[in-house]
């Protein structure tokens, strides 16, 4: 039998310290990206930051004050209306982001090119928000407004978020120009993709389904040689109407080729289906 070494769980106190640190670091990244890339080029890529960009251009209201004035009431409304315990980490993100925006407001523009500003601004905001989300928190803002709208209107939450962000980008188009609105869309898209990348990373796993007549032998080899858990599912052939067993095994990218080689060596006629698994929690993968 192969000895397995279980990773010891992280103490709750250390987990909280790490989470709070991620919220602070992520908020700092967002603030720098906003002041260095987005605000100088009037790129209002959705959210409270987009609103603060528009109001700064129209009335020269300080973005940090606008963000704080919007984030804090939205957080309170979220607690009252939604009845959720958003926790101290989200409260920290709500307060600390405007603080960092003010702290970094004196930084110089990184590039005179608005397209580069949209690309790297969206990337920087995405990295920051992704880090905050990994700390199991948020920076408040439009997401809370979308959740409130979602409670009273039968629309999917993602649509509610898109409606708010779309309205902000549309407003930016009228306030600035169509070109600025397009830059905002670019930044918004890059932000969403970057958040996914920070959340998932490059460690995409494979969920492998194996339909074979050599279930027992393949299962034993996968358990022994690959050292991954195997689940036996029951299925019925659509053509033969015969009941048969299906093996399911989640492996890393580098282990996938080894699995297919094992399966084809034992049963050349085996049918293998592999699907990307971007979020895997459990022994041998992420634990939380």
C-alpha atoms as a PDB file:
ATOM      1  CA  UNK A   1       0.000   0.000   0.000  1.00  0.00           C
ATOM      2  CA  UNK A   2       1.272   3.469  -0.860  1.00  0.00           C
ATOM      3  CA  UNK A   3       1.783   5.687   2.133  1.00  0.00           C
ATOM      4  CA  UNK A   4       0.023   9.018   1.842  1.00  0.00           C
ATOM      5  CA  UNK A   5       1.146  12.084   3.675  1.00  0.00           C
ATOM      6  CA  UNK A   6      -1.772  14.297   4.545  1.00  0.00           C
ATOM      7  CA  UNK A   7      -1.146  18.006   4.662  1.00  0.00           C
ATOM      8  CA  UNK A   8      -1.866  19.433   8.081  1.00  0.00           C
ATOM      9  CA  UNK A   9      -4.725  21.953   8.133  1.00  0.00           C
ATOM     10  CA  UNK A  10      -3.746  25.601   8.515  1.00  0.00           C
ATOM     11  CA  UNK A  11      -4.645  26.987  11.961  1.00  0.00           C
ATOM     12  CA  UNK A  12      -7.715  29.287  11.875  1.00  0.00           C
ATOM     13  CA  UNK A  13      -5.742  32.268  13.195  1.00  0.00           C
ATOM     14  CA  UNK A  14      -3.137  31.950  10.440  1.00  0.00           C
ATOM     15  CA  UNK A  15      -5.897  31.491   7.856  1.00  0.00           C
ATOM     16  CA  UNK A  16      -7.525  34.742   8.973  1.00  0.00           C
ATOM     17  CA  UNK A  17      -4.203  36.577   8.881  1.00  0.00           C
ATOM     18  CA  UNK A  18      -3.598  35.328   5.328  1.00  0.00           C
ATOM     19  CA  UNK A  19      -7.123  36.295   4.225  1.00  0.00           C
ATOM     20  CA  UNK A  20      -6.887  39.802   5.682  1.00  0.00           C
ATOM     21  CA  UNK A  21      -3.468  40.228   4.101  1.00  0.00           C
ATOM     22  CA  UNK A  22      -4.873  39.202   0.712  1.00  0.00           C
ATOM     23  CA  UNK A  23      -7.672  41.761   1.033  1.00  0.00           C
ATOM     24  CA  UNK A  24      -5.162  44.517   1.803  1.00  0.00           C
ATOM     25  CA  UNK A  25      -2.713  43.507  -0.943  1.00  0.00           C
ATOM     26  CA  UNK A  26      -5.465  43.063  -3.525  1.00  0.00           C
ATOM     27  CA  UNK A  27      -7.035  46.440  -2.719  1.00  0.00           C
ATOM     28  CA  UNK A  28      -3.625  48.076  -3.102  1.00  0.00           C
ATOM     29  CA  UNK A  29      -3.225  46.526  -6.566  1.00  0.00           C
ATOM     30  CA  UNK A  30      -6.670  47.792  -7.594  1.00  0.00           C
ATOM     31  CA  UNK A  31      -5.895  51.314  -6.389  1.00  0.00           C
ATOM     32  CA  UNK A  32      -2.584  51.485  -8.271  1.00  0.00           C
ATOM     33  CA  UNK A  33      -4.137  50.191 -11.509  1.00  0.00           C
ATOM     34  CA  UNK A  34      -6.953  52.720 -11.188  1.00  0.00           C
ATOM     35  CA  UNK A  35      -4.705  55.739 -10.603  1.00  0.00           C
ATOM     36  CA  UNK A  36      -1.885  54.787 -12.964  1.00  0.00           C
ATOM     37  CA  UNK A  37      -3.808  53.361 -15.935  1.00  0.00           C
ATOM     38  CA  UNK A  38      -7.566  53.975 -15.862  1.00  0.00           C
ATOM     39  CA  UNK A  39      -8.271  57.387 -14.343  1.00  0.00           C
ATOM     40  CA  UNK A  40      -5.682  59.343 -16.387  1.00  0.00           C
ATOM     41  CA  UNK A  41      -7.311  58.127 -19.616  1.00  0.00           C
ATOM     42  CA  UNK A  42     -10.946  58.555 -18.465  1.00  0.00           C
ATOM     43  CA  UNK A  43     -11.576  54.804 -18.719  1.00  0.00           C
ATOM     44  CA  UNK A  44     -14.726  54.073 -16.718  1.00  0.00           C
ATOM     45  CA  UNK A  45     -14.757  50.284 -16.842  1.00  0.00           C
ATOM     46  CA  UNK A  46     -17.801  49.667 -14.694  1.00  0.00           C
ATOM     47  CA  UNK A  47     -18.248  49.482 -10.954  1.00  0.00           C
ATOM     48  CA  UNK A  48     -17.911  52.229  -8.382  1.00  0.00           C
ATOM     49  CA  UNK A  49     -14.493  53.093  -9.813  1.00  0.00           C
ATOM     50  CA  UNK A  50     -16.128  53.779 -13.163  1.00  0.00           C
ATOM     51  CA  UNK A  51     -18.670  56.079 -11.514  1.00  0.00           C
ATOM     52  CA  UNK A  52     -15.913  57.933  -9.675  1.00  0.00           C
ATOM     53  CA  UNK A  53     -14.036  58.373 -12.977  1.00  0.00           C
ATOM     54  CA  UNK A  54     -17.080  59.978 -14.622  1.00  0.00           C
ATOM     55  CA  UNK A  55     -17.793  62.259 -11.656  1.00  0.00           C
ATOM     56  CA  UNK A  56     -14.150  63.302 -11.490  1.00  0.00           C
ATOM     57  CA  UNK A  57     -14.256  64.341 -15.134  1.00  0.00           C
ATOM     58  CA  UNK A  58     -17.554  66.215 -14.728  1.00  0.00           C
ATOM     59  CA  UNK A  59     -17.176  67.864 -11.320  1.00  0.00           C
ATOM     60  CA  UNK A  60     -13.567  67.123 -10.249  1.00  0.00           C
ATOM     61  CA  UNK A  61     -14.842  65.186  -7.235  1.00  0.00           C
ATOM     62  CA  UNK A  62     -12.036  63.172  -5.699  1.00  0.00           C
ATOM     63  CA  UNK A  63     -12.425  59.479  -6.706  1.00  0.00           C
ATOM     64  CA  UNK A  64     -11.489  58.232  -3.233  1.00  0.00           C
ATOM     65  CA  UNK A  65     -14.274  60.287  -1.631  1.00  0.00           C
ATOM     66  CA  UNK A  66     -16.814  59.206  -4.244  1.00  0.00           C
ATOM     67  CA  UNK A  67     -15.882  55.544  -3.841  1.00  0.00           C
ATOM     68  CA  UNK A  68     -16.118  55.738  -0.073  1.00  0.00           C
ATOM     69  CA  UNK A  69     -19.404  57.638  -0.243  1.00  0.00           C
ATOM     70  CA  UNK A  70     -20.887  54.929  -2.482  1.00  0.00           C
ATOM     71  CA  UNK A  71     -19.254  51.795  -1.065  1.00  0.00           C
ATOM     72  CA  UNK A  72     -20.102  52.327   2.584  1.00  0.00           C
ATOM     73  CA  UNK A  73     -23.873  52.962   2.132  1.00  0.00           C
ATOM     74  CA  UNK A  74     -24.071  50.049  -0.308  1.00  0.00           C
ATOM     75  CA  UNK A  75     -22.423  47.791   2.253  1.00  0.00           C
ATOM     76  CA  UNK A  76     -24.874  48.893   4.950  1.00  0.00           C
ATOM     77  CA  UNK A  77     -27.820  48.473   2.564  1.00  0.00           C
ATOM     78  CA  UNK A  78     -26.571  45.006   1.677  1.00  0.00           C
ATOM     79  CA  UNK A  79     -26.510  43.975   5.323  1.00  0.00           C
ATOM     80  CA  UNK A  80     -29.985  45.411   5.967  1.00  0.00           C
ATOM     81  CA  UNK A  81     -31.782  44.369   2.778  1.00  0.00           C
ATOM     82  CA  UNK A  82     -30.063  41.091   1.974  1.00  0.00           C
ATOM     83  CA  UNK A  83     -29.706  40.043   5.591  1.00  0.00           C
ATOM     84  CA  UNK A  84     -26.257  38.574   4.984  1.00  0.00           C
ATOM     85  CA  UNK A  85     -23.235  38.557   7.194  1.00  0.00           C
ATOM     86  CA  UNK A  86     -20.661  39.959   4.801  1.00  0.00           C
ATOM     87  CA  UNK A  87     -18.002  39.747   7.481  1.00  0.00           C
ATOM     88  CA  UNK A  88     -15.136  41.929   8.613  1.00  0.00           C
ATOM     89  CA  UNK A  89     -12.999  41.086   5.589  1.00  0.00           C
ATOM     90  CA  UNK A  90     -15.485  42.583   3.145  1.00  0.00           C
ATOM     91  CA  UNK A  91     -15.948  45.546   5.479  1.00  0.00           C
ATOM     92  CA  UNK A  92     -12.179  45.998   5.437  1.00  0.00           C
ATOM     93  CA  UNK A  93     -12.162  45.918   1.627  1.00  0.00           C
ATOM     94  CA  UNK A  94     -14.988  48.473   1.509  1.00  0.00           C
ATOM     95  CA  UNK A  95     -13.030  50.969   3.621  1.00  0.00           C
ATOM     96  CA  UNK A  96      -9.456  50.283   2.584  1.00  0.00           C
ATOM     97  CA  UNK A  97      -9.872  50.542  -1.188  1.00  0.00           C
ATOM     98  CA  UNK A  98     -10.852  54.259  -1.110  1.00  0.00           C
ATOM     99  CA  UNK A  99      -7.989  54.811   1.344  1.00  0.00           C
ATOM    100  CA  UNK A 100      -5.469  53.257  -1.046  1.00  0.00           C
ATOM    101  CA  UNK A 101      -6.974  55.184  -3.982  1.00  0.00           C
ATOM    102  CA  UNK A 102      -6.274  58.412  -2.091  1.00  0.00           C
ATOM    103  CA  UNK A 103      -2.852  57.202  -0.984  1.00  0.00           C
ATOM    104  CA  UNK A 104      -1.747  56.444  -4.553  1.00  0.00           C
ATOM    105  CA  UNK A 105      -3.478  59.409  -6.201  1.00  0.00           C
ATOM    106  CA  UNK A 106      -0.165  61.216  -6.721  1.00  0.00           C
ATOM    107  CA  UNK A 107       1.375  58.487  -8.892  1.00  0.00           C
ATOM    108  CA  UNK A 108       2.241  59.433 -12.451  1.00  0.00           C
ATOM    109  CA  UNK A 109       0.510  57.968 -15.485  1.00  0.00           C
ATOM    110  CA  UNK A 110       2.303  54.842 -16.647  1.00  0.00           C
ATOM    111  CA  UNK A 111       1.587  55.282 -20.366  1.00  0.00           C
ATOM    112  CA  UNK A 112       0.220  58.004 -22.657  1.00  0.00           C
ATOM    113  CA  UNK A 113      -1.536  55.371 -24.790  1.00  0.00           C
ATOM    114  CA  UNK A 114      -5.186  54.862 -23.707  1.00  0.00           C
ATOM    115  CA  UNK A 115      -5.287  51.382 -25.252  1.00  0.00           C
ATOM    116  CA  UNK A 116      -2.348  50.281 -23.110  1.00  0.00           C
ATOM    117  CA  UNK A 117      -4.063  51.966 -20.173  1.00  0.00           C
ATOM    118  CA  UNK A 118      -7.204  49.917 -20.785  1.00  0.00           C
ATOM    119  CA  UNK A 119      -5.274  46.667 -21.177  1.00  0.00           C
ATOM    120  CA  UNK A 120      -2.957  46.994 -18.207  1.00  0.00           C
ATOM    121  CA  UNK A 121      -5.516  48.832 -16.093  1.00  0.00           C
ATOM    122  CA  UNK A 122      -8.017  46.037 -16.611  1.00  0.00           C
ATOM    123  CA  UNK A 123      -5.309  43.496 -15.878  1.00  0.00           C
ATOM    124  CA  UNK A 124      -4.203  45.283 -12.700  1.00  0.00           C
ATOM    125  CA  UNK A 125      -7.754  45.620 -11.392  1.00  0.00           C
ATOM    126  CA  UNK A 126      -8.393  41.962 -12.221  1.00  0.00           C
ATOM    127  CA  UNK A 127      -5.275  40.851 -10.357  1.00  0.00           C
ATOM    128  CA  UNK A 128      -6.247  42.932  -7.345  1.00  0.00           C
ATOM    129  CA  UNK A 129      -9.860  41.776  -7.238  1.00  0.00           C
ATOM    130  CA  UNK A 130      -8.780  38.178  -7.804  1.00  0.00           C
ATOM    131  CA  UNK A 131      -6.474  38.424  -4.792  1.00  0.00           C
ATOM    132  CA  UNK A 132      -9.282  39.945  -2.710  1.00  0.00           C
ATOM    133  CA  UNK A 133     -11.629  37.148  -3.757  1.00  0.00           C
ATOM    134  CA  UNK A 134      -9.003  34.570  -2.787  1.00  0.00           C
ATOM    135  CA  UNK A 135      -9.139  36.181   0.649  1.00  0.00           C
ATOM    136  CA  UNK A 136     -12.868  35.292   0.663  1.00  0.00           C
ATOM    137  CA  UNK A 137     -13.948  38.928   0.640  1.00  0.00           C
ATOM    138  CA  UNK A 138     -15.003  41.724  -1.685  1.00  0.00           C
ATOM    139  CA  UNK A 139     -14.579  45.465  -2.041  1.00  0.00           C
ATOM    140  CA  UNK A 140     -18.339  46.075  -2.032  1.00  0.00           C
ATOM    141  CA  UNK A 141     -19.696  48.445  -4.644  1.00  0.00           C
ATOM    142  CA  UNK A 142     -21.768  47.498  -7.667  1.00  0.00           C
ATOM    143  CA  UNK A 143     -21.778  43.785  -6.814  1.00  0.00           C
ATOM    144  CA  UNK A 144     -23.864  44.571  -3.721  1.00  0.00           C
ATOM    145  CA  UNK A 145     -26.205  46.788  -5.740  1.00  0.00           C
ATOM    146  CA  UNK A 146     -26.609  43.948  -8.235  1.00  0.00           C
ATOM    147  CA  UNK A 147     -27.472  41.520  -5.431  1.00  0.00           C
ATOM    148  CA  UNK A 148     -30.109  43.926  -4.114  1.00  0.00           C
ATOM    149  CA  UNK A 149     -31.606  44.287  -7.612  1.00  0.00           C
ATOM    150  CA  UNK A 150     -31.494  40.517  -8.035  1.00  0.00           C
ATOM    151  CA  UNK A 151     -33.583  40.091  -4.875  1.00  0.00           C
ATOM    152  CA  UNK A 152     -36.467  42.169  -6.218  1.00  0.00           C
ATOM    153  CA  UNK A 153     -36.267  41.491  -9.953  1.00  0.00           C
ATOM    154  CA  UNK A 154     -36.310  37.906 -11.358  1.00  0.00           C
ATOM    155  CA  UNK A 155     -33.056  38.254 -13.295  1.00  0.00           C
ATOM    156  CA  UNK A 156     -29.874  36.167 -12.951  1.00  0.00           C
ATOM    157  CA  UNK A 157     -27.248  37.809 -10.771  1.00  0.00           C
ATOM    158  CA  UNK A 158     -24.747  37.894 -13.632  1.00  0.00           C
ATOM    159  CA  UNK A 159     -27.260  39.833 -15.751  1.00  0.00           C
ATOM    160  CA  UNK A 160     -27.803  42.317 -12.920  1.00  0.00           C
ATOM    161  CA  UNK A 161     -24.053  42.939 -12.651  1.00  0.00           C
ATOM    162  CA  UNK A 162     -23.818  43.320 -16.436  1.00  0.00           C
ATOM    163  CA  UNK A 163     -26.704  45.819 -16.408  1.00  0.00           C
ATOM    164  CA  UNK A 164     -24.977  48.072 -13.890  1.00  0.00           C
ATOM    165  CA  UNK A 165     -21.580  47.842 -15.585  1.00  0.00           C
ATOM    166  CA  UNK A 166     -23.167  48.348 -18.999  1.00  0.00           C
ATOM    167  CA  UNK A 167     -25.022  51.432 -17.793  1.00  0.00           C
ATOM    168  CA  UNK A 168     -21.782  52.910 -16.441  1.00  0.00           C
ATOM    169  CA  UNK A 169     -19.912  52.208 -19.682  1.00  0.00           C
ATOM    170  CA  UNK A 170     -22.802  53.695 -21.688  1.00  0.00           C
ATOM    171  CA  UNK A 171     -22.731  56.809 -19.528  1.00  0.00           C
ATOM    172  CA  UNK A 172     -18.973  57.071 -20.083  1.00  0.00           C
ATOM    173  CA  UNK A 173     -19.611  56.897 -23.834  1.00  0.00           C
ATOM    174  CA  UNK A 174     -21.881  59.940 -23.647  1.00  0.00           C
ATOM    175  CA  UNK A 175     -19.685  61.856 -21.203  1.00  0.00           C
ATOM    176  CA  UNK A 176     -16.382  61.192 -22.980  1.00  0.00           C
ATOM    177  CA  UNK A 177     -16.627  59.582 -26.417  1.00  0.00           C
ATOM    178  CA  UNK A 178     -17.490  56.334 -28.170  1.00  0.00           C
ATOM    179  CA  UNK A 179     -13.784  55.536 -28.268  1.00  0.00           C
ATOM    180  CA  UNK A 180     -13.511  55.896 -24.477  1.00  0.00           C
ATOM    181  CA  UNK A 181     -16.522  53.624 -24.095  1.00  0.00           C
ATOM    182  CA  UNK A 182     -14.810  50.995 -26.217  1.00  0.00           C
ATOM    183  CA  UNK A 183     -11.653  51.294 -24.114  1.00  0.00           C
ATOM    184  CA  UNK A 184     -13.830  50.794 -21.035  1.00  0.00           C
ATOM    185  CA  UNK A 185     -15.301  47.605 -22.528  1.00  0.00           C
ATOM    186  CA  UNK A 186     -11.800  46.305 -23.240  1.00  0.00           C
ATOM    187  CA  UNK A 187     -10.724  47.001 -19.670  1.00  0.00           C
ATOM    188  CA  UNK A 188     -13.893  45.399 -18.268  1.00  0.00           C
ATOM    189  CA  UNK A 189     -13.402  42.230 -20.328  1.00  0.00           C
ATOM    190  CA  UNK A 190      -9.726  41.926 -19.381  1.00  0.00           C
ATOM    191  CA  UNK A 191     -10.604  42.442 -15.719  1.00  0.00           C
ATOM    192  CA  UNK A 192     -13.105  39.569 -15.744  1.00  0.00           C
ATOM    193  CA  UNK A 193     -10.667  37.226 -17.525  1.00  0.00           C
ATOM    194  CA  UNK A 194      -7.825  38.157 -15.188  1.00  0.00           C
ATOM    195  CA  UNK A 195      -9.969  37.508 -12.119  1.00  0.00           C
ATOM    196  CA  UNK A 196     -10.666  34.007 -13.446  1.00  0.00           C
ATOM    197  CA  UNK A 197      -6.957  33.467 -14.061  1.00  0.00           C
ATOM    198  CA  UNK A 198      -5.986  34.586 -10.543  1.00  0.00           C
ATOM    199  CA  UNK A 199      -8.719  32.430  -9.030  1.00  0.00           C
ATOM    200  CA  UNK A 200      -7.936  29.295 -11.026  1.00  0.00           C
ATOM    201  CA  UNK A 201      -4.344  29.817 -12.162  1.00  0.00           C
ATOM    202  CA  UNK A 202      -2.574  27.464 -14.524  1.00  0.00           C
ATOM    203  CA  UNK A 203      -3.433  24.395 -12.467  1.00  0.00           C
ATOM    204  CA  UNK A 204      -6.353  23.275 -14.615  1.00  0.00           C
ATOM    205  CA  UNK A 205      -7.104  19.641 -13.887  1.00  0.00           C
ATOM    206  CA  UNK A 206      -8.759  16.970 -16.001  1.00  0.00           C
ATOM    207  CA  UNK A 207     -11.906  15.074 -15.096  1.00  0.00           C
ATOM    208  CA  UNK A 208     -11.458  11.759 -16.906  1.00  0.00           C
ATOM    209  CA  UNK A 209     -14.311   9.345 -17.620  1.00  0.00           C
ATOM    210  CA  UNK A 210     -13.234   5.837 -18.668  1.00  0.00           C
ATOM    211  CA  UNK A 211     -15.643   3.348 -20.222  1.00  0.00           C
ATOM    212  CA  UNK A 212     -13.967  -0.035 -20.368  1.00  0.00           C
ATOM    213  CA  UNK A 213     -14.459  -3.765 -19.952  1.00  0.00           C
ATOM    214  CA  UNK A 214     -11.350  -3.900 -17.727  1.00  0.00           C
ATOM    215  CA  UNK A 215     -12.743  -1.833 -14.847  1.00  0.00           C
ATOM    216  CA  UNK A 216     -11.060  -3.691 -11.992  1.00  0.00           C
ATOM    217  CA  UNK A 217      -7.581  -3.803 -13.517  1.00  0.00           C
ATOM    218  CA  UNK A 218      -7.566  -0.159 -14.634  1.00  0.00           C
ATOM    219  CA  UNK A 219      -8.914   0.992 -11.291  1.00  0.00           C
ATOM    220  CA  UNK A 220      -6.185  -0.851  -9.397  1.00  0.00           C
ATOM    221  CA  UNK A 221      -3.415   0.546 -11.616  1.00  0.00           C
ATOM    222  CA  UNK A 222      -4.749   4.116 -11.327  1.00  0.00           C
ATOM    223  CA  UNK A 223      -4.882   3.833  -7.544  1.00  0.00           C
ATOM    224  CA  UNK A 224      -1.394   2.347  -7.303  1.00  0.00           C
ATOM    225  CA  UNK A 225       0.583   4.098 -10.057  1.00  0.00           C
ATOM    226  CA  UNK A 226      -1.109   7.486 -10.374  1.00  0.00           C
ATOM    227  CA  UNK A 227      -2.106   7.684  -6.698  1.00  0.00           C
ATOM    228  CA  UNK A 228      -5.429   9.353  -7.448  1.00  0.00           C
ATOM    229  CA  UNK A 229      -8.867   8.452  -6.177  1.00  0.00           C
ATOM    230  CA  UNK A 230     -11.203   6.665  -8.554  1.00  0.00           C
ATOM    231  CA  UNK A 231     -15.000   6.773  -8.443  1.00  0.00           C
ATOM    232  CA  UNK A 232     -17.045   3.988 -10.013  1.00  0.00           C
ATOM    233  CA  UNK A 233     -20.232   5.205 -11.689  1.00  0.00           C
ATOM    234  CA  UNK A 234     -23.054   3.085 -13.035  1.00  0.00           C
ATOM    235  CA  UNK A 235     -24.318   3.680 -16.556  1.00  0.00           C
ATOM    236  CA  UNK A 236     -26.411   2.071 -19.256  1.00  0.00           C
ATOM    237  CA  UNK A 237     -25.315   1.710 -22.874  1.00  0.00           C
ATOM    238  CA  UNK A 238     -27.548   3.709 -25.176  1.00  0.00           C
ATOM    239  CA  UNK A 239     -27.211   1.185 -27.986  1.00  0.00           C
ATOM    240  CA  UNK A 240     -26.815  -2.127 -26.131  1.00  0.00           C
ATOM    241  CA  UNK A 241     -29.030  -1.179 -23.167  1.00  0.00           C
ATOM    242  CA  UNK A 242     -26.524  -3.038 -20.992  1.00  0.00           C
ATOM    243  CA  UNK A 243     -25.501  -1.827 -17.544  1.00  0.00           C
ATOM    244  CA  UNK A 244     -21.813  -1.153 -17.138  1.00  0.00           C
ATOM    245  CA  UNK A 245     -19.404   0.586 -14.821  1.00  0.00           C
ATOM    246  CA  UNK A 246     -17.671   3.882 -15.635  1.00  0.00           C
ATOM    247  CA  UNK A 247     -14.493   5.057 -13.919  1.00  0.00           C
ATOM    248  CA  UNK A 248     -14.135   8.723 -13.026  1.00  0.00           C
ATOM    249  CA  UNK A 249     -10.736  10.074 -12.024  1.00  0.00           C
ATOM    250  CA  UNK A 250      -9.604  13.697 -11.569  1.00  0.00           C
ATOM    251  CA  UNK A 251      -5.925  14.218 -12.356  1.00  0.00           C
ATOM    252  CA  UNK A 252      -3.548  17.099 -12.990  1.00  0.00           C
ATOM    253  CA  UNK A 253      -2.528  18.099 -16.502  1.00  0.00           C
ATOM    254  CA  UNK A 254       0.857  16.394 -16.220  1.00  0.00           C
ATOM    255  CA  UNK A 255      -0.774  13.147 -15.033  1.00  0.00           C
ATOM    256  CA  UNK A 256      -3.311  13.021 -17.862  1.00  0.00           C
ATOM    257  CA  UNK A 257      -0.970  11.542 -20.468  1.00  0.00           C
ATOM    258  CA  UNK A 258       0.101   8.879 -17.971  1.00  0.00           C
ATOM    259  CA  UNK A 259      -3.548   7.952 -17.352  1.00  0.00           C
ATOM    260  CA  UNK A 260      -4.358   7.625 -21.057  1.00  0.00           C
ATOM    261  CA  UNK A 261      -1.250   5.496 -21.601  1.00  0.00           C
ATOM    262  CA  UNK A 262      -2.253   3.173 -18.749  1.00  0.00           C
ATOM    263  CA  UNK A 263      -5.817   2.847 -20.041  1.00  0.00           C
ATOM    264  CA  UNK A 264      -4.806   2.160 -23.647  1.00  0.00           C
ATOM    265  CA  UNK A 265      -2.191  -0.368 -22.556  1.00  0.00           C
ATOM    266  CA  UNK A 266      -4.720  -2.368 -20.558  1.00  0.00           C
ATOM    267  CA  UNK A 267      -7.699  -1.904 -22.864  1.00  0.00           C
ATOM    268  CA  UNK A 268      -7.009  -0.493 -26.363  1.00  0.00           C
ATOM    269  CA  UNK A 269     -10.758  -0.352 -27.017  1.00  0.00           C
ATOM    270  CA  UNK A 270     -11.517   1.751 -23.939  1.00  0.00           C
ATOM    271  CA  UNK A 271     -13.492   4.953 -24.463  1.00  0.00           C
ATOM    272  CA  UNK A 272     -11.935   7.947 -22.655  1.00  0.00           C
ATOM    273  CA  UNK A 273     -13.548  11.357 -22.203  1.00  0.00           C
ATOM    274  CA  UNK A 274     -11.537  14.196 -20.632  1.00  0.00           C
ATOM    275  CA  UNK A 275     -13.023  17.500 -19.476  1.00  0.00           C
ATOM    276  CA  UNK A 276     -11.325  20.507 -17.972  1.00  0.00           C
ATOM    277  CA  UNK A 277     -11.903  20.869 -14.233  1.00  0.00           C
ATOM    278  CA  UNK A 278     -10.971  24.390 -13.201  1.00  0.00           C
ATOM    279  CA  UNK A 279     -11.870  24.218  -9.521  1.00  0.00           C
ATOM    280  CA  UNK A 280     -11.038  21.014  -7.662  1.00  0.00           C
ATOM    281  CA  UNK A 281     -11.207  20.845  -3.876  1.00  0.00           C
ATOM    282  CA  UNK A 282     -10.119  17.825  -1.861  1.00  0.00           C
ATOM    283  CA  UNK A 283      -7.183  15.618  -0.991  1.00  0.00           C
ATOM    284  CA  UNK A 284      -4.340  16.019  -3.451  1.00  0.00           C
ATOM    285  CA  UNK A 285      -5.762  19.294  -4.737  1.00  0.00           C
ATOM    286  CA  UNK A 286      -6.843  22.541  -3.078  1.00  0.00           C
ATOM    287  CA  UNK A 287      -8.253  22.088   0.414  1.00  0.00           C
ATOM    288  CA  UNK A 288     -10.196  25.345   0.574  1.00  0.00           C
END
